[in-house]
Amino acid sequence: MRQLPNLTEILRNTFQTLIDQFIDFVPRIIGALVILLIGVGVARLAAFVVQRVLGQVGFDKIGDRLNQISVIKQLNTEIKLSEIIAKVLYYFILLVFIMAATETLGVAAITEMVSSLVNFIPKLLAAAIMLQVGVLLADTLRGAVVNLCQSFNIAAGRLLSMIVFAFFLIVTIISALGQAGINTELLESSFNLIIGGVIFAFAIGYGIASRDIMANVLSSFYTKNKYKEGQLVQIDDVKGEILKIDTLSITLRTGDTTTIVPLQTLQSKNVEVFD
């Protein structure tokens, strides 16, 4: 007959293997905990020093400039760059020590995950810097558009400035996401379609709304050499002396009043010139 396995021997070997593995794993746990404690201390010290140094050199003034932007004000939050950078540095150093601790434990899956996070933080920091610069640039352009429209007495200056701000802000966000390693092809395609549609609609609307103006401008090329100031003309039933000719209209003195006639009218009405 076939001899049955010795259960006592099997249990003893299994128990001995577990004890050996535990004895081998305990130093790793202790070493990982020591590494984590050292990492927490180093991370806190580095974050404290960096925050104090950046605060003393006036680095937070950039954050104060961001806090003045209307969009940031609506978020009811306060940006303090020295604190943000100190926090990022703290977690970056902590993750580096966590990766060293997981390597000590010999857990490959956790080590790879932490390593990917460590590699992601520099990309995230670069994206944050790009976003910050982009927001400042967009706000600067917004202010420039407002001032330019005010100098030319354009009523829609605030609307145009917000459109410019939103455009550059969206471009900055898409670029920052790309810098962070996020696929932005769908966002870029959607944004290009929206911009193309808006420009197309604006072009059609503006063309329809300004067709009379364009007709007067084109008429000026045909009439500017035929008429001159001081001539006495009659346009249908309106008779008067030409006071002024510009790119859109002709101004006549008709008795005690003046009459402004669009230039395109001269192409479809009978005009008599009296020398």
Protein backbone atom coordinates (compact mmCIF):
# COMPACT_ATOMS: atom_id res chain seq x y z
CA MET A 1 0.00 0.00 0.00
CA ARG A 2 0.94 3.55 -0.60
CA GLN A 3 2.19 5.22 2.60
CA LEU A 4 0.16 8.23 3.77
CA PRO A 5 2.07 11.51 4.22
CA ASN A 6 3.10 12.40 7.72
CA LEU A 7 0.75 15.26 8.66
CA THR A 8 2.83 16.18 11.65
CA GLU A 9 5.91 16.63 9.52
CA ILE A 10 4.00 18.71 6.98
CA LEU A 11 2.59 21.01 9.64
CA ARG A 12 5.99 21.38 11.27
CA ASN A 13 7.66 22.29 7.96
CA THR A 14 4.91 24.75 7.07
CA PHE A 15 5.10 26.42 10.48
CA GLN A 16 8.90 26.59 10.28
CA THR A 17 8.70 28.21 6.83
CA LEU A 18 6.28 30.85 8.11
CA ILE A 19 8.52 31.59 11.08
CA ASP A 20 11.57 31.91 8.82
CA GLN A 21 9.72 34.24 6.46
CA PHE A 22 8.46 36.34 9.39
CA ILE A 23 11.94 36.56 10.90
CA ASP A 24 13.31 37.59 7.50
CA PHE A 25 10.51 40.15 6.96
CA VAL A 26 10.67 41.88 10.37
CA PRO A 27 14.01 43.63 9.69
CA ARG A 28 12.61 44.85 6.38
CA ILE A 29 9.57 46.34 8.10
CA ILE A 30 11.76 48.01 10.71
CA GLY A 31 14.08 49.35 8.00
CA ALA A 32 11.11 50.65 5.97
CA LEU A 33 9.66 52.40 9.06
CA VAL A 34 13.03 53.99 9.83
CA ILE A 35 13.29 55.23 6.24
CA LEU A 36 9.74 56.65 6.41
CA LEU A 37 10.45 58.46 9.70
CA ILE A 38 13.62 59.96 8.27
CA GLY A 39 11.72 60.93 5.11
CA VAL A 40 8.97 62.70 7.07
CA GLY A 41 11.58 64.68 9.02
CA VAL A 42 13.59 65.64 5.93
CA ALA A 43 10.43 66.57 3.99
CA ARG A 44 9.10 68.78 6.80
CA LEU A 45 12.44 70.51 7.27
CA ALA A 46 12.90 71.15 3.54
CA ALA A 47 9.32 72.42 3.15
CA PHE A 48 9.72 74.77 6.15
CA VAL A 49 13.01 76.20 4.88
CA VAL A 50 11.74 76.68 1.33
CA GLN A 51 8.54 78.38 2.47
CA ARG A 52 10.42 80.78 4.73
CA VAL A 53 13.00 81.63 2.04
CA LEU A 54 10.39 82.18 -0.68
CA GLY A 55 8.29 84.31 1.66
CA GLN A 56 11.25 86.53 2.56
CA VAL A 57 12.34 87.11 -1.05
CA GLY A 58 8.83 88.28 -1.99
CA PHE A 59 7.83 85.29 -4.08
CA ASP A 60 4.24 85.53 -2.77
CA LYS A 61 3.79 88.83 -4.66
CA ILE A 62 3.17 86.77 -7.79
CA GLY A 63 0.39 84.99 -5.94
CA ASP A 64 -1.04 88.34 -4.85
CA ARG A 65 -1.14 89.34 -8.52
CA LEU A 66 -3.08 86.17 -9.30
CA ASN A 67 -5.50 86.85 -6.45
CA GLN A 68 -6.46 90.16 -8.09
CA ILE A 69 -7.77 88.41 -11.22
CA SER A 70 -11.57 88.41 -11.30
CA VAL A 71 -11.79 84.69 -12.10
CA ILE A 72 -9.64 83.81 -9.06
CA LYS A 73 -11.69 86.15 -6.86
CA GLN A 74 -14.88 84.32 -7.81
CA LEU A 75 -13.36 81.06 -6.52
CA ASN A 76 -13.19 82.57 -3.00
CA THR A 77 -9.68 81.25 -2.50
CA GLU A 78 -6.29 82.78 -1.82
CA ILE A 79 -3.20 81.65 -3.68
CA LYS A 80 0.02 81.64 -1.65
CA LEU A 81 2.75 80.35 -3.92
CA SER A 82 5.37 79.79 -1.22
CA GLU A 83 2.99 77.50 0.65
CA ILE A 84 2.00 75.62 -2.52
CA ILE A 85 5.62 75.02 -3.56
CA ALA A 86 6.54 73.95 -0.02
CA LYS A 87 3.68 71.41 -0.04
CA VAL A 88 4.71 70.05 -3.44
CA LEU A 89 8.31 69.71 -2.26
CA TYR A 90 7.16 68.01 0.95
CA TYR A 91 5.17 65.32 -0.87
CA PHE A 92 7.86 64.88 -3.52
CA ILE A 93 10.55 64.16 -0.90
CA LEU A 94 8.13 61.97 1.04
CA LEU A 95 7.34 59.91 -2.06
CA VAL A 96 11.05 59.45 -2.75
CA PHE A 97 11.52 57.99 0.75
CA ILE A 98 8.36 55.89 0.39
CA MET A 99 9.81 54.43 -2.80
CA ALA A 100 13.03 53.62 -0.94
CA ALA A 101 10.98 52.01 1.84
CA THR A 102 8.99 49.84 -0.57
CA GLU A 103 12.24 48.74 -2.23
CA THR A 104 13.44 47.65 1.20
CA LEU A 105 10.25 45.64 1.67
CA GLY A 106 10.70 44.06 -1.73
CA VAL A 107 7.13 44.79 -2.91
CA ALA A 108 7.62 45.46 -6.60
CA ALA A 109 4.03 46.54 -7.36
CA ILE A 110 4.01 49.27 -4.71
CA THR A 111 7.50 50.40 -5.75
CA GLU A 112 6.43 50.84 -9.37
CA MET A 113 3.31 52.77 -8.35
CA VAL A 114 5.24 55.16 -6.12
CA SER A 115 7.94 55.54 -8.79
CA SER A 116 5.33 56.60 -11.33
CA LEU A 117 4.02 59.21 -8.87
CA VAL A 118 7.56 60.54 -8.29
CA ASN A 119 8.09 60.86 -12.04
CA PHE A 120 4.71 62.58 -12.43
CA ILE A 121 5.35 65.37 -9.91
CA PRO A 122 7.96 67.29 -12.04
CA LYS A 123 5.51 67.20 -14.97
CA LEU A 124 2.73 68.44 -12.72
CA LEU A 125 4.95 71.24 -11.40
CA ALA A 126 5.89 72.32 -14.93
CA ALA A 127 2.19 72.29 -15.90
CA ALA A 128 1.34 74.43 -12.86
CA ILE A 129 4.02 76.98 -13.76
CA MET A 130 2.78 77.06 -17.36
CA LEU A 131 -0.80 77.57 -16.14
CA GLN A 132 0.27 80.37 -13.82
CA VAL A 133 2.19 82.21 -16.55
CA GLY A 134 -0.69 81.68 -18.97
CA VAL A 135 -3.25 83.13 -16.56
CA LEU A 136 -1.07 86.19 -15.94
CA LEU A 137 -0.55 86.67 -19.69
CA ALA A 138 -4.28 86.27 -20.39
CA ASP A 139 -5.14 88.83 -17.72
CA THR A 140 -2.52 91.25 -19.08
CA LEU A 141 -3.98 90.94 -22.58
CA ARG A 142 -7.47 91.43 -21.15
CA GLY A 143 -6.40 94.70 -19.55
CA ALA A 144 -4.68 95.80 -22.76
CA VAL A 145 -7.84 95.14 -24.79
CA VAL A 146 -9.95 97.13 -22.30
CA ASN A 147 -7.57 100.12 -22.45
CA LEU A 148 -7.37 99.95 -26.25
CA CYS A 149 -11.15 99.85 -26.62
CA GLN A 150 -11.53 102.75 -24.19
CA SER A 151 -9.06 104.83 -26.19
CA PHE A 152 -11.09 104.22 -29.36
CA ASN A 153 -14.45 104.64 -27.56
CA ILE A 154 -15.52 101.07 -28.36
CA ALA A 155 -18.53 100.16 -26.23
CA ALA A 156 -17.97 96.40 -26.38
CA GLY A 157 -14.48 96.61 -24.87
CA ARG A 158 -15.31 94.59 -21.75
CA LEU A 159 -16.94 91.83 -23.80
CA LEU A 160 -13.99 91.66 -26.20
CA SER A 161 -11.53 91.58 -23.30
CA MET A 162 -13.35 88.65 -21.68
CA ILE A 163 -13.36 86.79 -25.01
CA VAL A 164 -9.60 87.31 -25.33
CA PHE A 165 -9.07 86.23 -21.72
CA ALA A 166 -11.19 83.08 -22.13
CA PHE A 167 -9.44 82.17 -25.39
CA PHE A 168 -5.92 82.38 -23.96
CA LEU A 169 -7.02 80.72 -20.72
CA ILE A 170 -8.40 77.70 -22.58
CA VAL A 171 -5.25 77.48 -24.71
CA THR A 172 -3.15 77.62 -21.54
CA ILE A 173 -5.20 74.91 -19.81
CA ILE A 174 -4.91 72.59 -22.82
CA SER A 175 -1.15 73.20 -23.02
CA ALA A 176 -0.74 72.59 -19.28
CA LEU A 177 -2.67 69.32 -19.48
CA GLY A 178 -0.44 68.24 -22.35
CA GLN A 179 2.64 69.13 -20.31
CA ALA A 180 1.32 66.97 -17.49
CA GLY A 181 1.18 64.00 -19.86
CA ILE A 182 -2.59 63.97 -20.38
CA ASN A 183 -3.86 63.28 -23.90
CA THR A 184 -5.50 66.48 -25.15
CA GLU A 185 -6.22 65.56 -28.78
CA LEU A 186 -9.99 65.46 -28.20
CA LEU A 187 -9.93 68.80 -26.36
CA GLU A 188 -7.84 70.42 -29.08
CA SER A 189 -10.15 69.13 -31.84
CA SER A 190 -13.28 70.31 -29.99
CA PHE A 191 -11.71 73.70 -29.27
CA ASN A 192 -10.69 74.18 -32.90
CA LEU A 193 -14.21 73.32 -34.05
CA ILE A 194 -15.76 75.78 -31.61
CA ILE A 195 -13.37 78.58 -32.60
CA GLY A 196 -13.96 77.89 -36.30
CA GLY A 197 -17.73 77.94 -35.80
CA VAL A 198 -17.62 81.19 -33.84
CA ILE A 199 -15.43 82.90 -36.46
CA PHE A 200 -17.64 81.65 -39.29
CA ALA A 201 -20.83 82.82 -37.55
CA PHE A 202 -19.25 86.18 -36.72
CA ALA A 203 -18.08 86.66 -40.30
CA ILE A 204 -21.54 85.93 -41.72
CA GLY A 205 -23.31 88.09 -39.13
CA TYR A 206 -20.91 90.96 -39.55
CA GLY A 207 -21.08 90.71 -43.34
CA ILE A 208 -24.89 90.87 -43.32
CA ALA A 209 -24.96 93.69 -40.79
CA SER A 210 -22.38 95.80 -42.62
CA ARG A 211 -23.46 95.27 -46.22
CA ASP A 212 -24.85 98.83 -46.45
CA ILE A 213 -21.61 100.24 -45.08
CA MET A 214 -19.57 98.25 -47.56
CA ALA A 215 -21.84 99.43 -50.38
CA ASN A 216 -21.18 103.05 -49.39
CA VAL A 217 -17.43 102.42 -49.19
CA LEU A 218 -17.40 100.87 -52.65
CA SER A 219 -19.52 103.71 -54.00
CA SER A 220 -16.94 106.21 -52.81
CA PHE A 221 -14.42 104.80 -55.31
CA TYR A 222 -16.80 105.57 -58.16
CA THR A 223 -18.00 108.99 -57.00
CA LYS A 224 -14.95 110.65 -55.43
CA ASN A 225 -13.70 111.94 -58.79
CA LYS A 226 -17.13 113.03 -60.08
CA TYR A 227 -18.09 115.41 -57.30
CA LYS A 228 -16.25 117.95 -55.18
CA GLU A 229 -17.00 120.30 -52.35
CA GLY A 230 -18.75 123.53 -53.33
CA GLN A 231 -20.67 122.05 -56.27
CA LEU A 232 -24.41 122.58 -56.54
CA VAL A 233 -26.16 119.28 -57.15
CA GLN A 234 -29.67 117.90 -57.14
CA ILE A 235 -30.34 114.30 -56.13
CA ASP A 236 -33.93 113.53 -57.12
CA ASP A 237 -35.88 116.22 -55.25
CA VAL A 238 -33.04 117.28 -52.94
CA LYS A 239 -30.99 120.24 -54.15
CA GLY A 240 -28.07 121.75 -52.33
CA GLU A 241 -24.38 122.64 -52.15
CA ILE A 242 -21.86 119.92 -51.35
CA LEU A 243 -20.29 120.65 -47.97
CA LYS A 244 -18.41 117.43 -47.37
CA ILE A 245 -17.69 114.08 -48.99
CA ASP A 246 -16.39 111.18 -46.91
CA THR A 247 -16.15 107.43 -47.44
CA LEU A 248 -19.78 106.78 -46.53
CA SER A 249 -21.90 109.82 -47.33
CA ILE A 250 -22.19 113.21 -48.95
CA THR A 251 -23.40 116.25 -46.96
CA LEU A 252 -25.52 118.90 -48.71
CA ARG A 253 -26.54 122.36 -47.56
CA THR A 254 -30.21 122.62 -48.42
CA GLY A 255 -31.34 126.09 -47.39
CA ASP A 256 -31.16 126.47 -43.62
CA THR A 257 -30.59 122.77 -43.08
CA THR A 258 -28.10 120.11 -44.10
CA THR A 259 -28.93 116.77 -45.69
CA ILE A 260 -26.74 113.66 -45.47
CA VAL A 261 -27.11 111.29 -48.41
CA PRO A 262 -25.50 107.81 -48.47
CA LEU A 263 -23.04 107.45 -51.33
CA GLN A 264 -24.72 104.30 -52.64
CA THR A 265 -27.78 106.45 -53.36
CA LEU A 266 -25.80 108.26 -56.07
CA GLN A 267 -25.56 104.99 -58.00
CA SER A 268 -29.33 104.52 -58.23
CA LYS A 269 -30.70 108.07 -58.29
CA ASN A 270 -30.66 110.78 -60.91
CA VAL A 271 -28.04 113.38 -60.06
CA GLU A 272 -27.83 116.81 -61.67
CA VAL A 273 -24.73 118.95 -61.37
CA PHE A 274 -25.05 122.75 -61.71
CA ASP A 275 -21.84 124.54 -62.69
